[in-house]
Amino acid sequence: MTFPQDRQSLDEDEEDELWKFVYDRKIAGKTSETLHQVLKEFKSTRMARQRTLTDVEFHFHKEMVPNLYKTRYLTPLQILETYRHFEIPLTRRARQVLQVLTGGNILRCTSQGLLISWNSRNEVDVPPRIREQPVRITVPGHVEVLMWKHIRKHAERLEAQTLHTEYFWESMEMEEEDRERVTPEMMVD
């Protein structure tokens, strides 16, 4: 019995189609079929009998699995799910590429390089901090204009400490109605 020396390999489009089929059936679909059965079904439905099942399996295991991190079809998170589902060891290069592709995911692996889990920095929801905002006392716009006029009027003898005194603001000219709403304490704060 002789084995064929030249195996027919799949082109890039067929590889992408195969990854899509395997991911949809085994991981997203969560079927109980074996990988062999999934590859057999792919070959019978998609390949139009151009290649033997042995060729498809050989190419899948020898070419596609080691280069899983380079596939164009699957998203980076789907690639991580595939590595974990099939317990494919991650090479150092695959880890580096996947961390970049996934936006800085933190990958947790066993000592054999099998992916256990990942935690995306982008996926972590940080709850907003609830800060009690101090009650801001605001003065009406026309009173603020009067305040600036008062400061400009006394600019030649004004010092930083003077601005923080109630005496300075009590001497400001404004209508009685505004004096009731806006106190000097409000202006100092």
Protein backbone atom coordinates (compact mmCIF):
# COMPACT_ATOMS: atom_id res chain seq x y z
CA MET A 1 0.00 0.00 0.00
CA THR A 2 1.43 3.34 -0.98
CA PHE A 3 0.43 6.69 0.33
CA PRO A 4 0.02 9.62 -2.00
CA GLN A 5 2.97 11.95 -1.81
CA ASP A 6 1.24 15.09 -2.99
CA ARG A 7 -1.78 16.16 -1.05
CA GLN A 8 -4.16 18.71 -2.40
CA SER A 9 -4.24 21.73 -0.15
CA LEU A 10 -7.04 24.20 0.29
CA ASP A 11 -6.79 27.77 -0.91
CA GLU A 12 -7.34 30.73 1.43
CA ASP A 13 -11.02 31.14 0.60
CA GLU A 14 -11.65 27.46 1.26
CA GLU A 15 -9.75 27.70 4.54
CA ASP A 16 -11.88 30.64 5.63
CA GLU A 17 -15.01 28.76 4.62
CA LEU A 18 -13.84 25.71 6.58
CA TRP A 19 -13.08 27.77 9.70
CA LYS A 20 -16.54 29.33 9.41
CA PHE A 21 -18.15 25.92 9.06
CA VAL A 22 -16.20 24.37 11.96
CA TYR A 23 -16.83 27.36 14.24
CA ASP A 24 -20.55 27.50 13.45
CA ARG A 25 -21.02 23.75 13.93
CA LYS A 26 -18.75 22.93 16.87
CA ILE A 27 -18.52 26.10 18.95
CA ALA A 28 -21.47 28.35 18.17
CA GLY A 29 -23.83 25.45 17.38
CA LYS A 30 -22.49 23.29 20.24
CA THR A 31 -23.23 20.07 18.38
CA SER A 32 -22.09 16.71 19.70
CA GLU A 33 -20.51 15.80 16.37
CA THR A 34 -16.84 14.96 16.34
CA LEU A 35 -14.45 17.12 14.40
CA HIS A 36 -14.03 14.25 11.94
CA GLN A 37 -17.79 14.24 11.30
CA VAL A 38 -17.83 18.03 10.83
CA LEU A 39 -14.95 17.87 8.35
CA LYS A 40 -16.67 15.01 6.52
CA GLU A 41 -19.88 17.03 6.27
CA PHE A 42 -17.96 20.08 5.06
CA LYS A 43 -16.22 18.00 2.41
CA SER A 44 -19.46 16.46 1.17
CA THR A 45 -21.47 19.71 1.09
CA ARG A 46 -18.94 22.36 0.16
CA MET A 47 -16.05 20.77 -1.68
CA ALA A 48 -17.96 19.09 -4.54
CA ARG A 49 -15.72 16.04 -4.07
CA GLN A 50 -12.61 17.79 -5.44
CA ARG A 51 -10.47 16.54 -2.59
CA THR A 52 -10.49 13.47 -0.43
CA LEU A 53 -11.50 13.62 3.21
CA THR A 54 -7.95 12.65 4.10
CA ASP A 55 -6.64 15.67 2.19
CA VAL A 56 -9.06 17.98 4.01
CA GLU A 57 -8.21 16.53 7.44
CA PHE A 58 -4.47 16.58 6.76
CA HIS A 59 -4.56 20.19 5.59
CA PHE A 60 -6.77 21.20 8.52
CA HIS A 61 -4.48 19.68 11.16
CA LYS A 62 -1.10 20.40 9.57
CA GLU A 63 -1.67 23.82 8.00
CA MET A 64 -4.77 25.47 9.41
CA VAL A 65 -4.58 24.66 13.13
CA PRO A 66 -0.99 25.95 13.60
CA ASN A 67 -2.00 29.15 11.77
CA LEU A 68 -5.39 29.60 13.42
CA TYR A 69 -4.39 32.99 14.82
CA LYS A 70 -3.91 34.25 11.24
CA THR A 71 -7.38 33.38 9.93
CA ARG A 72 -9.31 36.20 8.34
CA TYR A 73 -12.80 34.82 8.85
CA LEU A 74 -13.01 34.55 12.63
CA THR A 75 -12.99 37.56 14.92
CA PRO A 76 -10.20 37.65 17.51
CA LEU A 77 -12.56 36.55 20.28
CA GLN A 78 -13.86 33.69 18.12
CA ILE A 79 -10.25 32.64 17.55
CA LEU A 80 -9.72 32.57 21.33
CA GLU A 81 -12.88 30.48 21.76
CA THR A 82 -11.62 28.06 19.11
CA TYR A 83 -8.23 27.69 20.79
CA ARG A 84 -9.93 26.96 24.11
CA HIS A 85 -12.60 24.62 22.68
CA PHE A 86 -10.17 22.40 20.75
CA GLU A 87 -7.44 22.71 23.40
CA ILE A 88 -4.87 23.91 20.89
CA PRO A 89 -1.61 25.00 22.54
CA LEU A 90 -0.80 28.67 21.97
CA THR A 91 2.66 29.44 20.69
CA ARG A 92 4.43 32.53 21.93
CA ARG A 93 3.89 34.21 18.56
CA ALA A 94 0.16 33.35 18.58
CA ARG A 95 -0.18 34.84 22.08
CA GLN A 96 1.52 38.07 21.02
CA VAL A 97 -0.60 38.44 17.90
CA LEU A 98 -3.85 37.65 19.71
CA GLN A 99 -3.11 40.12 22.49
CA VAL A 100 -2.63 42.84 19.88
CA LEU A 101 -5.67 41.82 17.82
CA THR A 102 -7.98 41.72 20.82
CA GLY A 103 -6.96 45.09 22.16
CA GLY A 104 -4.80 43.92 25.03
CA ASN A 105 -6.60 40.85 26.26
CA ILE A 106 -4.98 39.17 29.21
CA LEU A 107 -4.64 35.49 28.30
CA ARG A 108 -4.47 32.83 31.01
CA CYS A 109 -2.81 29.61 29.88
CA THR A 110 -1.63 26.36 31.43
CA SER A 111 2.06 25.47 31.51
CA GLN A 112 1.47 23.50 28.27
CA GLY A 113 0.14 26.64 26.55
CA LEU A 114 -3.54 25.63 26.61
CA LEU A 115 -5.85 28.61 26.86
CA ILE A 116 -7.89 28.66 30.08
CA SER A 117 -9.54 32.06 29.89
CA TRP A 118 -9.05 35.65 28.88
CA ASN A 119 -10.02 39.00 30.25
CA SER A 120 -10.36 41.87 27.88
CA ARG A 121 -9.38 45.30 29.05
CA ASN A 122 -12.04 46.59 26.67
CA GLU A 123 -14.72 44.31 28.09
CA VAL A 124 -14.23 45.17 31.74
CA ASP A 125 -17.03 47.39 32.90
CA VAL A 126 -15.82 49.74 35.56
CA PRO A 127 -18.77 51.01 37.54
CA PRO A 128 -18.92 54.77 37.63
CA ARG A 129 -17.83 56.34 40.86
CA ILE A 130 -20.59 58.09 42.63
CA ARG A 131 -19.26 61.32 43.94
CA GLU A 132 -21.33 63.70 45.87
CA GLN A 133 -21.06 66.98 44.13
CA PRO A 134 -21.06 69.94 46.47
CA VAL A 135 -23.98 72.20 45.95
CA ARG A 136 -22.76 74.88 43.64
CA ILE A 137 -24.04 78.28 44.44
CA THR A 138 -24.34 80.30 41.31
CA VAL A 139 -25.18 83.90 40.88
CA PRO A 140 -27.41 85.20 38.09
CA GLY A 141 -25.60 86.40 34.97
CA HIS A 142 -26.44 90.08 35.42
CA VAL A 143 -25.08 89.99 39.00
CA GLU A 144 -21.88 88.40 37.73
CA VAL A 145 -21.51 91.32 35.30
CA LEU A 146 -21.94 93.71 38.25
CA MET A 147 -19.27 91.75 40.17
CA TRP A 148 -16.76 92.18 37.33
CA LYS A 149 -17.54 95.88 37.08
CA HIS A 150 -17.01 96.19 40.86
CA ILE A 151 -13.64 94.40 40.57
CA ARG A 152 -12.57 96.62 37.66
CA LYS A 153 -13.63 99.74 39.58
CA HIS A 154 -11.37 98.81 42.53
CA ALA A 155 -8.59 97.17 40.51
CA GLU A 156 -5.84 99.62 41.50
CA ARG A 157 -6.10 98.82 45.24
CA LEU A 158 -7.33 95.22 44.95
CA GLU A 159 -5.40 92.34 46.48
CA ALA A 160 -6.10 88.61 46.45
CA GLN A 161 -7.22 88.59 50.09
CA THR A 162 -9.62 91.45 49.47
CA LEU A 163 -11.61 89.41 46.95
CA HIS A 164 -12.34 86.86 49.67
CA THR A 165 -13.79 89.30 52.16
CA GLU A 166 -17.47 89.89 52.64
CA TYR A 167 -16.76 93.58 53.27
CA PHE A 168 -15.55 94.06 49.68
CA TRP A 169 -18.71 92.49 48.26
CA GLU A 170 -21.07 94.28 50.62
CA SER A 171 -19.88 97.56 49.12
CA MET A 172 -20.87 96.44 45.62
CA GLU A 173 -23.72 98.38 44.03
CA MET A 174 -26.71 96.24 43.13
CA GLU A 175 -30.48 96.37 43.39
CA GLU A 176 -32.22 95.44 46.62
CA GLU A 177 -33.97 92.50 44.98
CA ASP A 178 -30.59 91.02 44.00
CA ARG A 179 -29.18 91.62 47.49
CA GLU A 180 -31.88 89.37 48.91
CA ARG A 181 -31.10 86.55 46.47
CA VAL A 182 -27.32 86.92 46.32
CA THR A 183 -25.53 87.26 49.63
CA PRO A 184 -21.89 88.29 50.06
CA GLU A 185 -21.16 84.74 51.30
CA MET A 186 -22.26 83.39 47.93
CA MET A 187 -19.89 85.75 46.15
CA VAL A 188 -16.95 84.81 48.36
CA ASP A 189 -17.44 81.09 47.71
